[in-house]
Amino acid sequence: MPEGPIATIIREKLTSALNPERLEIEDDSGRHAGHHHDGGMDATPGGESHFNLTVVSASFEGLGRLARQRAVTEALRAELAGPIHALSIRTLTPAEARV
């Protein structure tokens, strides 16, 4: 299944910022369709509002969990302020991914 425009932006930005060895992007919006939050809809009708990410990058070496997640969210700052409503992030170093 081809990636949508938001997933493509996520891939491009994280590839540029973190040079990941592996990057998995899952659009999880369908599980949130019809949910309401703060008077609005959680999931947009076309999807691409909720994502699960797995990022494996050597740039995470020596960083704690919070610093790794900040690196991801900083790269996606504009998208998190707009079309992305929720983001689940799993960050690993290449050594951690092989375990």
Protein backbone atom coordinates (compact mmCIF):
# COMPACT_ATOMS: atom_id res chain seq x y z
CA MET A 1 0.00 0.00 0.00
CA PRO A 2 1.51 3.36 -0.98
CA GLU A 3 2.20 5.98 1.67
CA GLY A 4 -0.03 9.02 1.90
CA PRO A 5 1.35 12.55 1.71
CA ILE A 6 1.82 12.97 5.48
CA ALA A 7 3.60 9.60 5.82
CA THR A 8 5.85 10.60 2.92
CA ILE A 9 6.73 13.87 4.69
CA ILE A 10 7.44 11.96 7.91
CA ARG A 11 9.76 9.58 6.01
CA GLU A 12 11.59 12.42 4.27
CA LYS A 13 12.07 14.54 7.40
CA LEU A 14 13.18 11.68 9.65
CA THR A 15 15.51 10.32 6.98
CA SER A 16 17.11 13.75 6.63
CA ALA A 17 17.33 14.44 10.37
CA LEU A 18 18.25 11.00 11.75
CA ASN A 19 19.60 8.91 8.85
CA PRO A 20 17.72 5.85 10.15
CA GLU A 21 18.87 2.32 9.47
CA ARG A 22 15.20 1.32 9.64
CA LEU A 23 12.07 3.44 9.64
CA GLU A 24 8.60 1.96 10.01
CA ILE A 25 5.58 4.23 9.64
CA GLU A 26 2.13 2.86 10.41
CA ASP A 27 -0.96 4.98 9.84
CA ASP A 28 -3.12 4.04 12.82
CA SER A 29 -5.86 6.58 12.10
CA GLY A 30 -8.45 3.95 11.28
CA ARG A 31 -8.52 2.75 14.88
CA HIS A 32 -9.45 6.28 15.98
CA ALA A 33 -12.14 7.07 13.41
CA GLY A 34 -15.21 8.53 15.06
CA HIS A 35 -13.51 9.26 18.37
CA HIS A 36 -14.16 12.70 19.78
CA HIS A 37 -11.65 14.78 21.72
CA ASP A 38 -12.05 18.32 23.06
CA GLY A 39 -15.11 18.90 20.94
CA GLY A 40 -13.48 17.74 17.69
CA MET A 41 -12.74 14.56 15.86
CA ASP A 42 -9.54 12.68 16.74
CA ALA A 43 -9.03 11.07 13.35
CA THR A 44 -9.44 12.96 10.10
CA PRO A 45 -11.75 11.35 7.54
CA GLY A 46 -8.87 10.68 5.11
CA GLY A 47 -6.61 9.22 7.77
CA GLU A 48 -3.02 10.24 8.39
CA SER A 49 -3.69 11.81 11.78
CA HIS A 50 -2.44 9.01 14.08
CA PHE A 51 0.88 7.24 13.48
CA ASN A 52 3.04 4.56 15.08
CA LEU A 53 6.74 4.99 14.33
CA THR A 54 9.73 2.73 14.82
CA VAL A 55 13.01 4.50 14.20
CA VAL A 56 16.34 2.65 14.33
CA SER A 57 19.26 5.07 14.12
CA ALA A 58 22.89 5.26 15.21
CA SER A 59 22.18 8.90 16.10
CA PHE A 60 20.40 7.58 19.22
CA GLU A 61 23.63 6.13 20.65
CA GLY A 62 24.24 7.56 24.12
CA LEU A 63 20.84 9.28 24.30
CA GLY A 64 18.12 8.47 26.79
CA ARG A 65 14.55 7.69 25.78
CA LEU A 66 13.32 11.26 26.22
CA ALA A 67 16.15 12.79 24.17
CA ARG A 68 15.51 10.28 21.38
CA GLN A 69 11.82 11.12 21.29
CA ARG A 70 12.62 14.84 21.30
CA ALA A 71 14.84 14.33 18.25
CA VAL A 72 11.91 12.74 16.42
CA THR A 73 9.33 15.31 17.51
CA GLU A 74 11.67 18.20 16.71
CA ALA A 75 12.06 16.90 13.15
CA LEU A 76 8.25 16.69 12.85
CA ARG A 77 7.40 19.93 14.67
CA ALA A 78 5.31 21.41 11.84
CA GLU A 79 3.33 18.21 11.31
CA LEU A 80 2.64 17.84 15.03
CA ALA A 81 1.24 21.38 15.04
CA GLY A 82 -1.04 20.53 12.13
CA PRO A 83 -2.17 17.30 10.56
CA ILE A 84 -0.73 14.81 13.08
CA HIS A 85 -2.95 14.42 16.13
CA ALA A 86 -1.12 11.53 17.82
CA LEU A 87 2.26 9.89 17.45
CA SER A 88 3.55 6.73 19.10
CA ILE A 89 7.34 6.60 18.89
CA ARG A 90 9.65 3.63 19.40
CA THR A 91 13.34 4.55 19.11
CA LEU A 92 16.23 2.09 19.03
CA THR A 93 19.91 2.06 18.27
CA PRO A 94 21.04 -0.51 15.69
CA ALA A 95 22.48 -2.68 18.51
CA GLU A 96 19.17 -2.57 20.41
CA ALA A 97 17.25 -3.51 17.27
CA ARG A 98 19.37 -6.64 16.80
CA VAL A 99 18.61 -7.96 20.28
